[in-house]
Amino acid sequence: MSQSSIVATNDQVPCRLSYYKLSEKGKLWVIIATFSQVYVLSLVPPTYLLNIYSVVVTVACPLIATVLPGLFAYTYVKQNYDQEQTTKCEQWYGFIYACFGLFIMPLFLMLTIYLV
């Protein structure tokens, strides 16, 4: 990363919106929205919540366990290809692992829908 790109990014306003930096009116709206979401979810019957939870977990687990680590490994090896002694084939191992996670996610989702 060049020095000019570091200076250019330091001059910009950070993209992250913190709750503590909101105005009092903004904090009030965040509190009202959070309370409303909790209240609406408390009205949903437990069996529907279980179904929703199982579908969300079925999608999130392969993403967290295979896709994200595979893509991180792929980008790390790709960026450090010149510095490390890796072959061209080893560069794609992370990408293949991420594709495997994307392949098994619909399978897990189908099994979850049929079993719940």
N, C-alpha and C. Protein backbone atom coordinates (compact mmCIF):
# COMPACT_ATOMS: atom_id res chain seq x y z
N MET A 1 0.85 -1.16 0.00
CA MET A 1 0.00 0.00 0.00
C MET A 1 0.90 1.23 0.00
N SER A 2 0.64 2.13 -0.89
CA SER A 2 1.50 3.30 -0.98
C SER A 2 1.13 4.33 0.08
N GLN A 3 2.05 5.24 0.30
CA GLN A 3 1.86 6.27 1.32
C GLN A 3 0.72 7.20 0.94
N SER A 4 0.54 7.47 -0.36
CA SER A 4 -0.53 8.38 -0.79
C SER A 4 -1.91 7.79 -0.53
N SER A 5 -2.05 6.47 -0.66
CA SER A 5 -3.35 5.86 -0.39
C SER A 5 -3.66 5.87 1.09
N ILE A 6 -2.65 5.75 1.95
CA ILE A 6 -2.87 5.82 3.39
C ILE A 6 -3.32 7.22 3.79
N VAL A 7 -2.71 8.23 3.22
CA VAL A 7 -3.09 9.61 3.53
C VAL A 7 -4.50 9.89 3.03
N ALA A 8 -4.84 9.38 1.85
CA ALA A 8 -6.17 9.63 1.30
C ALA A 8 -7.25 8.98 2.16
N THR A 9 -7.01 7.81 2.69
CA THR A 9 -8.03 7.15 3.50
C THR A 9 -8.12 7.76 4.89
N ASN A 10 -7.03 8.33 5.39
CA ASN A 10 -7.06 8.94 6.72
C ASN A 10 -7.82 10.26 6.72
N ASP A 11 -7.95 10.90 5.59
CA ASP A 11 -8.67 12.17 5.51
C ASP A 11 -10.18 11.98 5.46
N GLN A 12 -10.63 10.80 5.16
CA GLN A 12 -12.06 10.55 5.02
C GLN A 12 -12.70 10.27 6.37
N VAL A 13 -14.01 10.47 6.42
CA VAL A 13 -14.78 10.17 7.62
C VAL A 13 -14.94 8.66 7.71
N PRO A 14 -14.79 8.05 8.89
CA PRO A 14 -14.94 6.59 8.99
C PRO A 14 -16.35 6.15 8.59
N CYS A 15 -16.42 4.99 7.95
CA CYS A 15 -17.70 4.48 7.46
C CYS A 15 -18.54 3.85 8.57
N ARG A 16 -17.93 3.45 9.65
CA ARG A 16 -18.64 2.77 10.72
C ARG A 16 -19.47 3.75 11.53
N LEU A 17 -20.74 3.44 11.70
CA LEU A 17 -21.63 4.29 12.46
C LEU A 17 -21.77 3.71 13.86
N SER A 18 -21.29 4.41 14.83
CA SER A 18 -21.33 3.94 16.20
C SER A 18 -22.58 4.46 16.89
N TYR A 19 -23.13 3.64 17.77
CA TYR A 19 -24.31 4.04 18.53
C TYR A 19 -24.01 5.23 19.41
N TYR A 20 -22.82 5.27 19.96
CA TYR A 20 -22.46 6.34 20.89
C TYR A 20 -22.27 7.69 20.21
N LYS A 21 -22.06 7.69 18.90
CA LYS A 21 -21.89 8.94 18.18
C LYS A 21 -23.20 9.48 17.62
N LEU A 22 -24.31 8.78 17.86
CA LEU A 22 -25.60 9.24 17.38
C LEU A 22 -26.11 10.38 18.26
N SER A 23 -27.02 11.15 17.68
CA SER A 23 -27.68 12.19 18.47
C SER A 23 -28.69 11.53 19.40
N GLU A 24 -29.26 12.29 20.28
CA GLU A 24 -30.25 11.74 21.21
C GLU A 24 -31.48 11.22 20.47
N LYS A 25 -31.89 11.91 19.42
CA LYS A 25 -33.04 11.46 18.63
C LYS A 25 -32.70 10.15 17.89
N GLY A 26 -31.48 10.06 17.38
CA GLY A 26 -31.05 8.83 16.70
C GLY A 26 -30.99 7.66 17.66
N LYS A 27 -30.48 7.89 18.88
CA LYS A 27 -30.43 6.82 19.89
C LYS A 27 -31.83 6.35 20.24
N LEU A 28 -32.77 7.30 20.33
CA LEU A 28 -34.15 6.94 20.66
C LEU A 28 -34.74 6.04 19.58
N TRP A 29 -34.47 6.34 18.31
CA TRP A 29 -35.01 5.51 17.22
C TRP A 29 -34.37 4.12 17.21
N VAL A 30 -33.11 4.03 17.54
CA VAL A 30 -32.46 2.71 17.61
C VAL A 30 -33.06 1.89 18.75
N ILE A 31 -33.31 2.52 19.89
CA ILE A 31 -33.92 1.82 21.02
C ILE A 31 -35.32 1.35 20.68
N ILE A 32 -36.11 2.21 20.03
CA ILE A 32 -37.48 1.85 19.65
C ILE A 32 -37.47 0.71 18.63
N ALA A 33 -36.57 0.76 17.66
CA ALA A 33 -36.51 -0.30 16.64
C ALA A 33 -36.09 -1.63 17.26
N THR A 34 -35.12 -1.60 18.16
CA THR A 34 -34.67 -2.84 18.80
C THR A 34 -35.77 -3.44 19.67
N PHE A 35 -36.43 -2.61 20.46
CA PHE A 35 -37.52 -3.10 21.30
C PHE A 35 -38.66 -3.65 20.46
N SER A 36 -38.97 -2.98 19.35
CA SER A 36 -40.06 -3.45 18.48
C SER A 36 -39.73 -4.81 17.88
N GLN A 37 -38.49 -5.00 17.46
CA GLN A 37 -38.10 -6.29 16.89
C GLN A 37 -38.20 -7.41 17.92
N VAL A 38 -37.75 -7.13 19.14
CA VAL A 38 -37.83 -8.14 20.19
C VAL A 38 -39.28 -8.44 20.52
N TYR A 39 -40.13 -7.43 20.56
CA TYR A 39 -41.54 -7.63 20.88
C TYR A 39 -42.24 -8.44 19.79
N VAL A 40 -41.96 -8.13 18.53
CA VAL A 40 -42.59 -8.88 17.42
C VAL A 40 -42.13 -10.33 17.43
N LEU A 41 -40.83 -10.57 17.68
CA LEU A 41 -40.34 -11.95 17.73
C LEU A 41 -40.89 -12.71 18.92
N SER A 42 -41.24 -12.01 20.00
CA SER A 42 -41.82 -12.71 21.15
C SER A 42 -43.24 -13.16 20.88
N LEU A 43 -43.91 -12.56 19.90
CA LEU A 43 -45.27 -12.95 19.55
C LEU A 43 -45.32 -14.16 18.61
N VAL A 44 -44.19 -14.49 18.00
CA VAL A 44 -44.14 -15.63 17.08
C VAL A 44 -44.15 -16.92 17.90
N PRO A 45 -44.98 -17.89 17.50
CA PRO A 45 -45.01 -19.17 18.24
C PRO A 45 -43.65 -19.87 18.20
N PRO A 46 -43.32 -20.61 19.25
CA PRO A 46 -41.99 -21.25 19.33
C PRO A 46 -41.68 -22.21 18.19
N THR A 47 -42.68 -22.89 17.66
CA THR A 47 -42.40 -23.83 16.56
C THR A 47 -41.92 -23.09 15.32
N TYR A 48 -42.50 -21.93 15.04
CA TYR A 48 -42.05 -21.14 13.89
C TYR A 48 -40.66 -20.57 14.14
N LEU A 49 -40.39 -20.17 15.38
CA LEU A 49 -39.06 -19.68 15.70
C LEU A 49 -38.01 -20.78 15.53
N LEU A 50 -38.36 -22.00 15.89
CA LEU A 50 -37.45 -23.12 15.70
C LEU A 50 -37.17 -23.36 14.22
N ASN A 51 -38.21 -23.26 13.40
CA ASN A 51 -38.02 -23.43 11.96
C ASN A 51 -37.14 -22.33 11.38
N ILE A 52 -37.39 -21.10 11.79
CA ILE A 52 -36.59 -19.98 11.31
C ILE A 52 -35.14 -20.15 11.76
N TYR A 53 -34.95 -20.52 13.02
CA TYR A 53 -33.61 -20.70 13.57
C TYR A 53 -32.87 -21.82 12.84
N SER A 54 -33.54 -22.90 12.55
CA SER A 54 -32.87 -24.02 11.89
C SER A 54 -32.45 -23.65 10.46
N VAL A 55 -33.26 -22.88 9.76
CA VAL A 55 -32.90 -22.47 8.40
C VAL A 55 -31.71 -21.49 8.44
N VAL A 56 -31.74 -20.56 9.39
CA VAL A 56 -30.65 -19.59 9.49
C VAL A 56 -29.34 -20.30 9.84
N VAL A 57 -29.39 -21.24 10.77
CA VAL A 57 -28.18 -21.97 11.17
C VAL A 57 -27.68 -22.84 10.02
N THR A 58 -28.58 -23.42 9.26
CA THR A 58 -28.20 -24.25 8.13
C THR A 58 -27.45 -23.44 7.08
N VAL A 59 -27.84 -22.21 6.89
CA VAL A 59 -27.16 -21.36 5.92
C VAL A 59 -25.86 -20.80 6.50
N ALA A 60 -25.88 -20.41 7.77
CA ALA A 60 -24.73 -19.73 8.36
C ALA A 60 -23.56 -20.67 8.65
N CYS A 61 -23.84 -21.89 9.06
CA CYS A 61 -22.74 -22.80 9.44
C CYS A 61 -21.80 -23.13 8.28
N PRO A 62 -22.29 -23.51 7.10
CA PRO A 62 -21.33 -23.74 6.00
C PRO A 62 -20.59 -22.47 5.58
N LEU A 63 -21.28 -21.33 5.68
CA LEU A 63 -20.59 -20.09 5.33
C LEU A 63 -19.44 -19.80 6.28
N ILE A 64 -19.69 -19.97 7.58
CA ILE A 64 -18.66 -19.67 8.57
C ILE A 64 -17.56 -20.74 8.58
N ALA A 65 -17.94 -22.00 8.39
CA ALA A 65 -16.97 -23.09 8.52
C ALA A 65 -16.15 -23.34 7.27
N THR A 66 -16.69 -23.07 6.09
CA THR A 66 -15.95 -23.42 4.87
C THR A 66 -15.72 -22.23 3.94
N VAL A 67 -16.75 -21.45 3.66
CA VAL A 67 -16.63 -20.42 2.63
C VAL A 67 -15.69 -19.30 3.07
N LEU A 68 -15.91 -18.75 4.26
CA LEU A 68 -15.05 -17.65 4.71
C LEU A 68 -13.59 -18.07 4.89
N PRO A 69 -13.30 -19.18 5.57
CA PRO A 69 -11.88 -19.56 5.67
C PRO A 69 -11.25 -19.88 4.32
N GLY A 70 -12.02 -20.49 3.43
CA GLY A 70 -11.48 -20.80 2.11
C GLY A 70 -11.14 -19.55 1.32
N LEU A 71 -12.02 -18.55 1.36
CA LEU A 71 -11.75 -17.32 0.63
C LEU A 71 -10.62 -16.52 1.28
N PHE A 72 -10.55 -16.55 2.61
CA PHE A 72 -9.44 -15.87 3.27
C PHE A 72 -8.11 -16.53 2.91
N ALA A 73 -8.09 -17.86 2.90
CA ALA A 73 -6.85 -18.57 2.53
C ALA A 73 -6.48 -18.28 1.09
N TYR A 74 -7.47 -18.25 0.20
CA TYR A 74 -7.20 -17.97 -1.21
C TYR A 74 -6.60 -16.57 -1.39
N THR A 75 -7.19 -15.57 -0.75
CA THR A 75 -6.67 -14.21 -0.91
C THR A 75 -5.31 -14.05 -0.25
N TYR A 76 -5.08 -14.72 0.88
CA TYR A 76 -3.78 -14.64 1.54
C TYR A 76 -2.68 -15.24 0.66
N VAL A 77 -2.94 -16.41 0.13
CA VAL A 77 -1.93 -17.06 -0.71
C VAL A 77 -1.73 -16.28 -2.00
N LYS A 78 -2.81 -15.72 -2.54
CA LYS A 78 -2.69 -14.96 -3.78
C LYS A 78 -1.88 -13.68 -3.57
N GLN A 79 -2.08 -13.01 -2.43
CA GLN A 79 -1.33 -11.78 -2.17
C GLN A 79 0.13 -12.07 -1.84
N ASN A 80 0.40 -13.19 -1.19
CA ASN A 80 1.76 -13.52 -0.79
C ASN A 80 2.38 -14.58 -1.68
N TYR A 81 1.93 -14.67 -2.92
CA TYR A 81 2.41 -15.72 -3.83
C TYR A 81 3.89 -15.57 -4.11
N ASP A 82 4.37 -14.35 -4.26
CA ASP A 82 5.78 -14.13 -4.60
C ASP A 82 6.69 -14.43 -3.42
N GLN A 83 6.22 -14.19 -2.20
CA GLN A 83 7.07 -14.35 -1.03
C GLN A 83 7.17 -15.80 -0.56
N GLU A 84 6.17 -16.60 -0.81
CA GLU A 84 6.15 -17.98 -0.33
C GLU A 84 6.49 -18.94 -1.46
N GLN A 85 6.87 -20.13 -1.08
CA GLN A 85 7.20 -21.17 -2.04
C GLN A 85 5.95 -22.01 -2.30
N THR A 86 4.96 -21.44 -2.96
CA THR A 86 3.73 -22.17 -3.27
C THR A 86 3.64 -22.37 -4.77
N THR A 87 3.07 -23.50 -5.14
CA THR A 87 2.86 -23.77 -6.55
C THR A 87 1.56 -23.13 -6.99
N LYS A 88 1.34 -23.12 -8.28
CA LYS A 88 0.12 -22.54 -8.83
C LYS A 88 -1.10 -23.36 -8.40
N CYS A 89 -0.92 -24.67 -8.24
CA CYS A 89 -2.03 -25.53 -7.82
C CYS A 89 -2.42 -25.26 -6.37
N GLU A 90 -1.43 -25.05 -5.50
CA GLU A 90 -1.72 -24.79 -4.09
C GLU A 90 -2.44 -23.47 -3.89
N GLN A 91 -2.34 -22.58 -4.85
CA GLN A 91 -3.00 -21.29 -4.75
C GLN A 91 -4.52 -21.45 -4.80
N TRP A 92 -4.99 -22.50 -5.41
CA TRP A 92 -6.43 -22.67 -5.58
C TRP A 92 -7.07 -23.55 -4.50
N TYR A 93 -6.32 -24.07 -3.54
CA TYR A 93 -6.89 -24.93 -2.51
C TYR A 93 -7.96 -24.21 -1.70
N GLY A 94 -7.73 -22.99 -1.31
CA GLY A 94 -8.71 -22.23 -0.54
C GLY A 94 -9.98 -21.98 -1.33
N PHE A 95 -9.82 -21.67 -2.63
CA PHE A 95 -10.99 -21.44 -3.47
C PHE A 95 -11.81 -22.71 -3.64
N ILE A 96 -11.16 -23.84 -3.78
CA ILE A 96 -11.86 -25.12 -3.91
C ILE A 96 -12.61 -25.44 -2.62
N TYR A 97 -11.99 -25.15 -1.48
CA TYR A 97 -12.65 -25.38 -0.19
C TYR A 97 -13.88 -24.49 -0.04
N ALA A 98 -13.80 -23.23 -0.51
CA ALA A 98 -14.94 -22.32 -0.46
C ALA A 98 -16.06 -22.81 -1.38
N CYS A 99 -15.70 -23.30 -2.56
CA CYS A 99 -16.72 -23.84 -3.48
C CYS A 99 -17.37 -25.09 -2.91
N PHE A 100 -16.61 -25.89 -2.19
CA PHE A 100 -17.18 -27.06 -1.52
C PHE A 100 -18.24 -26.62 -0.50
N GLY A 101 -17.97 -25.58 0.25
CA GLY A 101 -18.95 -25.06 1.21
C GLY A 101 -20.20 -24.55 0.52
N LEU A 102 -20.03 -23.88 -0.61
CA LEU A 102 -21.20 -23.41 -1.37
C LEU A 102 -21.97 -24.56 -1.98
N PHE A 103 -21.29 -25.67 -2.25
CA PHE A 103 -21.95 -26.85 -2.80
C PHE A 103 -22.78 -27.59 -1.75
N ILE A 104 -22.25 -27.69 -0.52
CA ILE A 104 -22.98 -28.45 0.50
C ILE A 104 -24.07 -27.63 1.19
N MET A 105 -24.01 -26.30 1.06
CA MET A 105 -25.03 -25.48 1.72
C MET A 105 -26.44 -25.78 1.21
N PRO A 106 -26.71 -25.86 -0.09
CA PRO A 106 -28.07 -26.23 -0.52
C PRO A 106 -28.48 -27.63 -0.07
N LEU A 107 -27.51 -28.54 0.01
CA LEU A 107 -27.81 -29.89 0.49
C LEU A 107 -28.28 -29.85 1.94
N PHE A 108 -27.53 -29.13 2.79
CA PHE A 108 -27.94 -28.98 4.18
C PHE A 108 -29.28 -28.28 4.31
N LEU A 109 -29.51 -27.27 3.49
CA LEU A 109 -30.78 -26.54 3.52
C LEU A 109 -31.94 -27.45 3.12
N MET A 110 -31.74 -28.28 2.11
CA MET A 110 -32.79 -29.21 1.68
C MET A 110 -33.09 -30.23 2.78
N LEU A 111 -32.05 -30.76 3.41
CA LEU A 111 -32.26 -31.72 4.50
C LEU A 111 -32.97 -31.07 5.68
N THR A 112 -32.63 -29.85 6.00
CA THR A 112 -33.27 -29.16 7.11
C THR A 112 -34.75 -28.93 6.84
N ILE A 113 -35.08 -28.51 5.63
CA ILE A 113 -36.47 -28.25 5.30
C ILE A 113 -37.30 -29.53 5.34
N TYR A 114 -36.71 -30.64 4.87
CA TYR A 114 -37.44 -31.90 4.89
C TYR A 114 -37.59 -32.49 6.29
N LEU A 115 -36.61 -32.28 7.15
CA LEU A 115 -36.63 -32.87 8.47
C LEU A 115 -37.38 -32.05 9.52
N VAL A 116 -37.50 -30.74 9.31
CA VAL A 116 -38.17 -29.91 10.33
C VAL A 116 -39.63 -29.82 10.07
